[in-house]
Structures are given as structure tokens and as C-alpha cells.
N, C-alpha and C. Protein backbone atom coordinates (compact mmCIF):
# COMPACT_ATOMS: atom_id res chain seq x y z
N MET A 1 -12.07 2.99 22.62
CA MET A 1 -12.29 4.35 21.60
C MET A 1 -12.73 3.95 20.54
N GLU A 2 -13.66 4.87 20.29
CA GLU A 2 -14.74 4.94 19.17
C GLU A 2 -14.13 4.74 17.48
N LYS A 3 -14.27 3.92 17.00
CA LYS A 3 -13.96 3.60 15.45
C LYS A 3 -15.26 4.53 14.67
N GLN A 4 -14.56 4.98 13.62
CA GLN A 4 -15.53 5.66 12.51
C GLN A 4 -15.28 4.74 11.05
N THR A 5 -16.27 4.98 10.52
CA THR A 5 -16.37 4.21 9.10
C THR A 5 -15.65 5.23 8.06
N ILE A 6 -14.93 5.05 7.05
CA ILE A 6 -14.16 5.42 6.21
C ILE A 6 -14.60 4.87 4.70
N ASN A 7 -14.64 5.22 3.62
CA ASN A 7 -14.91 4.98 2.42
C ASN A 7 -13.63 4.95 1.31
N ILE A 8 -12.66 3.87 1.09
CA ILE A 8 -11.61 3.81 0.51
C ILE A 8 -11.99 3.49 -0.99
N ILE A 9 -11.34 4.10 -2.12
CA ILE A 9 -11.52 3.64 -3.39
C ILE A 9 -10.00 2.80 -3.94
N ILE A 10 -10.08 1.81 -4.39
CA ILE A 10 -8.89 1.01 -4.97
C ILE A 10 -9.42 -0.08 -6.01
N GLY A 11 -8.58 0.37 -6.99
CA GLY A 11 -8.87 0.01 -8.49
C GLY A 11 -10.28 -0.02 -9.14
N GLY A 12 -10.64 1.30 -8.62
CA GLY A 12 -12.20 1.70 -8.99
C GLY A 12 -13.19 1.01 -7.94
N ARG A 13 -12.80 0.27 -7.01
CA ARG A 13 -14.04 -0.16 -6.16
C ARG A 13 -13.71 0.35 -4.76
N SER A 14 -15.08 0.59 -4.53
CA SER A 14 -15.14 1.11 -3.15
C SER A 14 -15.14 0.22 -1.82
N TYR A 15 -14.52 0.46 -0.66
CA TYR A 15 -14.15 -0.25 0.62
C TYR A 15 -14.35 0.46 1.83
N LYS A 16 -15.44 0.07 2.41
CA LYS A 16 -15.50 0.50 3.98
C LYS A 16 -14.34 -0.25 4.67
N PHE A 17 -14.10 0.92 5.44
CA PHE A 17 -13.29 0.41 6.93
C PHE A 17 -13.54 0.92 7.98
N GLN A 18 -13.64 0.55 9.01
CA GLN A 18 -13.72 0.85 10.59
C GLN A 18 -12.33 1.09 11.03
N VAL A 19 -11.95 2.19 11.19
CA VAL A 19 -10.48 2.89 11.70
C VAL A 19 -10.99 3.98 12.79
N ALA A 20 -9.61 3.69 13.83
CA ALA A 20 -9.73 4.66 14.84
C ALA A 20 -9.34 5.94 14.28
N PRO A 21 -10.01 6.95 14.74
CA PRO A 21 -9.68 8.23 14.44
C PRO A 21 -8.13 8.64 13.96
N GLU A 22 -7.27 8.42 14.89
CA GLU A 22 -6.02 8.56 14.82
C GLU A 22 -5.35 7.77 13.60
N ASN A 23 -6.10 6.82 13.40
CA ASN A 23 -5.34 5.96 11.98
C ASN A 23 -5.64 6.29 10.61
N GLU A 24 -6.90 7.00 10.63
CA GLU A 24 -7.63 7.56 9.35
C GLU A 24 -6.74 8.15 8.53
N SER A 25 -5.73 9.39 9.00
CA SER A 25 -4.99 9.61 8.02
C SER A 25 -3.80 8.41 7.34
N ARG A 26 -3.28 8.00 8.00
CA ARG A 26 -2.54 6.81 7.37
C ARG A 26 -3.17 5.73 6.58
N VAL A 27 -4.33 5.36 7.09
CA VAL A 27 -5.35 4.70 6.19
C VAL A 27 -5.22 5.04 4.86
N ARG A 28 -5.54 6.42 4.66
CA ARG A 28 -6.19 7.43 3.37
C ARG A 28 -4.56 7.51 2.60
N ALA A 29 -3.85 7.56 3.37
CA ALA A 29 -2.67 7.93 2.80
C ALA A 29 -1.88 6.55 1.95
N ALA A 30 -2.18 5.54 2.70
CA ALA A 30 -2.00 4.22 1.99
C ALA A 30 -2.44 4.18 0.77
N ALA A 31 -4.07 4.42 0.84
CA ALA A 31 -5.01 3.96 -0.08
C ALA A 31 -4.52 4.68 -1.29
N LYS A 32 -4.14 5.88 -1.16
CA LYS A 32 -3.90 6.83 -1.84
C LYS A 32 -2.70 6.59 -2.81
N ARG A 33 -1.69 6.06 -2.05
CA ARG A 33 -0.39 5.71 -2.83
C ARG A 33 -0.59 3.90 -3.70
N ILE A 34 -1.47 3.12 -2.90
CA ILE A 34 -1.94 2.24 -3.87
C ILE A 34 -2.65 2.56 -4.84
N GLU A 35 -3.53 3.48 -5.14
CA GLU A 35 -4.35 4.04 -6.06
C GLU A 35 -3.25 4.60 -6.87
N SER A 36 -2.31 5.07 -6.62
CA SER A 36 -1.45 6.08 -7.55
C SER A 36 -0.76 4.74 -8.19
N LYS A 37 -0.04 3.98 -7.79
CA LYS A 37 0.47 2.63 -8.22
C LYS A 37 -0.32 1.78 -9.30
N VAL A 38 -1.68 1.67 -8.86
CA VAL A 38 -2.49 1.23 -9.58
C VAL A 38 -2.92 1.88 -11.02
N THR A 39 -3.01 3.08 -11.30
CA THR A 39 -2.80 4.03 -12.33
C THR A 39 -1.94 3.92 -13.27
N SER A 40 -0.40 3.91 -12.16
CA SER A 40 0.89 3.82 -12.84
C SER A 40 0.97 2.74 -13.62
N TYR A 41 0.41 1.51 -13.28
CA TYR A 41 0.60 0.30 -13.88
C TYR A 41 -0.36 0.11 -14.97
N LEU A 42 -1.58 0.53 -14.94
CA LEU A 42 -2.25 0.55 -15.74
C LEU A 42 -2.12 1.16 -16.99
N GLN A 43 -1.60 2.26 -16.87
CA GLN A 43 -1.04 2.99 -18.15
C GLN A 43 0.31 2.44 -18.80
N ARG A 44 1.08 1.44 -17.94
CA ARG A 44 1.86 0.62 -18.23
C ARG A 44 1.67 -0.47 -19.02
N TYR A 45 0.57 -1.50 -18.69
CA TYR A 45 0.04 -2.60 -19.01
C TYR A 45 -1.36 -2.47 -19.35
N GLU A 46 -1.62 -2.01 -20.40
CA GLU A 46 -2.71 -1.46 -20.88
C GLU A 46 -4.00 -2.81 -20.93
N ASN A 47 -3.05 -4.02 -21.35
CA ASN A 47 -3.55 -5.17 -21.94
C ASN A 47 -4.22 -6.25 -20.70
N LYS A 48 -3.52 -5.70 -19.73
CA LYS A 48 -3.67 -6.45 -17.93
C LYS A 48 -5.00 -6.27 -17.45
N ASP A 49 -5.79 -6.99 -16.84
CA ASP A 49 -6.92 -6.73 -16.23
C ASP A 49 -6.62 -6.35 -14.84
N MET A 50 -7.68 -5.77 -13.93
CA MET A 50 -7.45 -5.58 -12.63
C MET A 50 -6.79 -6.49 -11.74
N GLN A 51 -7.14 -7.67 -11.41
CA GLN A 51 -6.55 -8.75 -10.94
C GLN A 51 -4.75 -8.49 -10.89
N ASP A 52 -4.70 -8.79 -12.49
CA ASP A 52 -2.99 -8.69 -12.71
C ASP A 52 -2.52 -7.44 -12.11
N ILE A 53 -3.27 -6.16 -12.23
CA ILE A 53 -2.56 -4.69 -11.82
C ILE A 53 -2.44 -4.86 -10.21
N LEU A 54 -3.32 -5.49 -9.72
CA LEU A 54 -3.16 -4.92 -8.43
C LEU A 54 -2.18 -6.13 -7.69
N SER A 55 -2.21 -7.31 -8.38
CA SER A 55 -1.11 -8.38 -7.91
C SER A 55 0.42 -7.60 -8.29
N ILE A 56 0.40 -7.22 -9.45
CA ILE A 56 1.90 -6.21 -9.61
C ILE A 56 2.07 -5.20 -8.45
N VAL A 57 1.16 -4.42 -8.22
CA VAL A 57 1.15 -3.68 -7.13
C VAL A 57 1.49 -3.90 -5.73
N LEU A 58 0.79 -5.08 -5.50
CA LEU A 58 1.30 -5.95 -4.42
C LEU A 58 2.81 -6.44 -4.37
N LEU A 59 3.18 -7.05 -5.26
CA LEU A 59 4.64 -7.22 -5.17
C LEU A 59 5.47 -6.07 -5.48
N ASP A 60 5.04 -5.06 -6.06
CA ASP A 60 5.90 -4.05 -6.07
C ASP A 60 6.09 -3.29 -4.67
N THR A 61 4.73 -3.20 -3.88
CA THR A 61 5.16 -2.67 -2.26
C THR A 61 5.71 -3.67 -1.48
N THR A 62 5.72 -5.06 -1.68
CA THR A 62 6.14 -5.94 -0.95
C THR A 62 7.78 -5.95 -0.91
N LEU A 63 8.11 -5.87 -2.29
CA LEU A 63 9.27 -5.73 -2.37
C LEU A 63 9.90 -4.50 -1.83
N SER A 64 9.59 -3.35 -1.59
CA SER A 64 9.96 -2.27 -0.65
C SER A 64 9.97 -2.29 0.28
N LEU A 65 8.86 -3.06 0.85
CA LEU A 65 9.10 -3.34 2.55
C LEU A 65 10.19 -4.10 2.55
N VAL A 66 10.34 -5.34 1.82
CA VAL A 66 11.41 -6.46 2.50
C VAL A 66 12.67 -5.49 2.11
N SER A 67 12.91 -4.73 1.37
CA SER A 67 14.21 -3.92 1.01
C SER A 67 14.48 -2.80 2.25
N LEU A 68 13.28 -2.25 2.75
CA LEU A 68 13.21 -1.30 4.24
C LEU A 68 13.73 -2.34 5.24
N GLU A 69 13.15 -4.01 5.27
CA GLU A 69 13.39 -4.66 6.40
C GLU A 69 15.05 -4.98 6.48
N ASN A 70 15.30 -5.31 5.06
CA ASN A 70 16.74 -5.56 5.10
C ASN A 70 17.83 -4.50 5.68
N LYS A 71 17.37 -3.26 5.08
CA LYS A 71 18.24 -2.32 5.46
C LYS A 71 18.21 -1.97 6.95
N ASP A 72 17.49 -2.07 7.74
CA ASP A 72 17.20 -1.92 9.22
C ASP A 72 17.94 -3.25 9.85
N GLU A 73 17.83 -4.47 9.22
CA GLU A 73 18.77 -5.56 9.69
C GLU A 73 20.16 -5.22 9.37
N ILE A 74 20.81 -4.86 8.31
CA ILE A 74 21.84 -4.46 8.02
C ILE A 74 22.75 -3.07 9.22
N SER A 75 21.64 -2.11 9.22
CA SER A 75 22.07 -1.26 10.19
C SER A 75 22.22 -1.74 11.76
N GLU A 76 21.15 -2.40 11.95
CA GLU A 76 21.33 -3.41 13.39
C GLU A 76 22.43 -4.20 13.76
N GLY A 77 23.03 -4.85 12.48
CA GLY A 77 24.34 -5.54 12.55
C GLY A 77 25.57 -4.73 12.44
N MET A 78 25.33 -3.14 11.86
CA MET A 78 26.51 -2.47 11.78
C MET A 78 26.61 -2.00 13.31
N GLY A 79 25.68 -1.60 14.31
CA GLY A 79 25.48 -1.27 15.22
C GLY A 79 26.18 -2.18 16.34
N GLN A 80 25.99 -3.14 15.96
CA GLN A 80 26.63 -4.46 16.77
C GLN A 80 28.11 -4.52 16.81
N LEU A 81 28.67 -4.22 15.80
CA LEU A 81 30.06 -4.32 15.31
C LEU A 81 30.90 -3.43 16.51
């Protein structure tokens, strides 16, 4: 399957990605969510530079992922009872 090039902006910087057409909407949605968090944290922490903001966004996003994984593990454990 042929990939296409899309342009994503995160933290004011432009990035080009090669994605399969069926993944484009997910990549764009993820970038939009990241950019929304960047904007939110920039407003809260005006004195932080972009590196700090991106680190905070990464931590926040990863914490959400870990929380979801833990919920899945609990659900699987409950199903085994």
C-alpha cells in the first residue's frame, strides 16, 4: 500500500510523516490532541520553555495510557474470577 506525506504541527514546529491513508485521520487526531495539551500547558506555565511543556505533555499522556492499561488488567483479572 502506498503511503502519503502529511504535515503535522506540534509546539509550533512542522513535521512531515509518511502514513498509510487509513491511518491519516488517527495521526491527525493524535497531533490535534497533543497540540491542544501544549496550548493548555503553555497557558498554565507561561514561564516554561517548549521543551518543558512537551515533557509535561508526554508525562500527562503516558499517565493516561498507563491508567487505561491498568483498568484493562483489572478487567481481565475480574473476568478470570
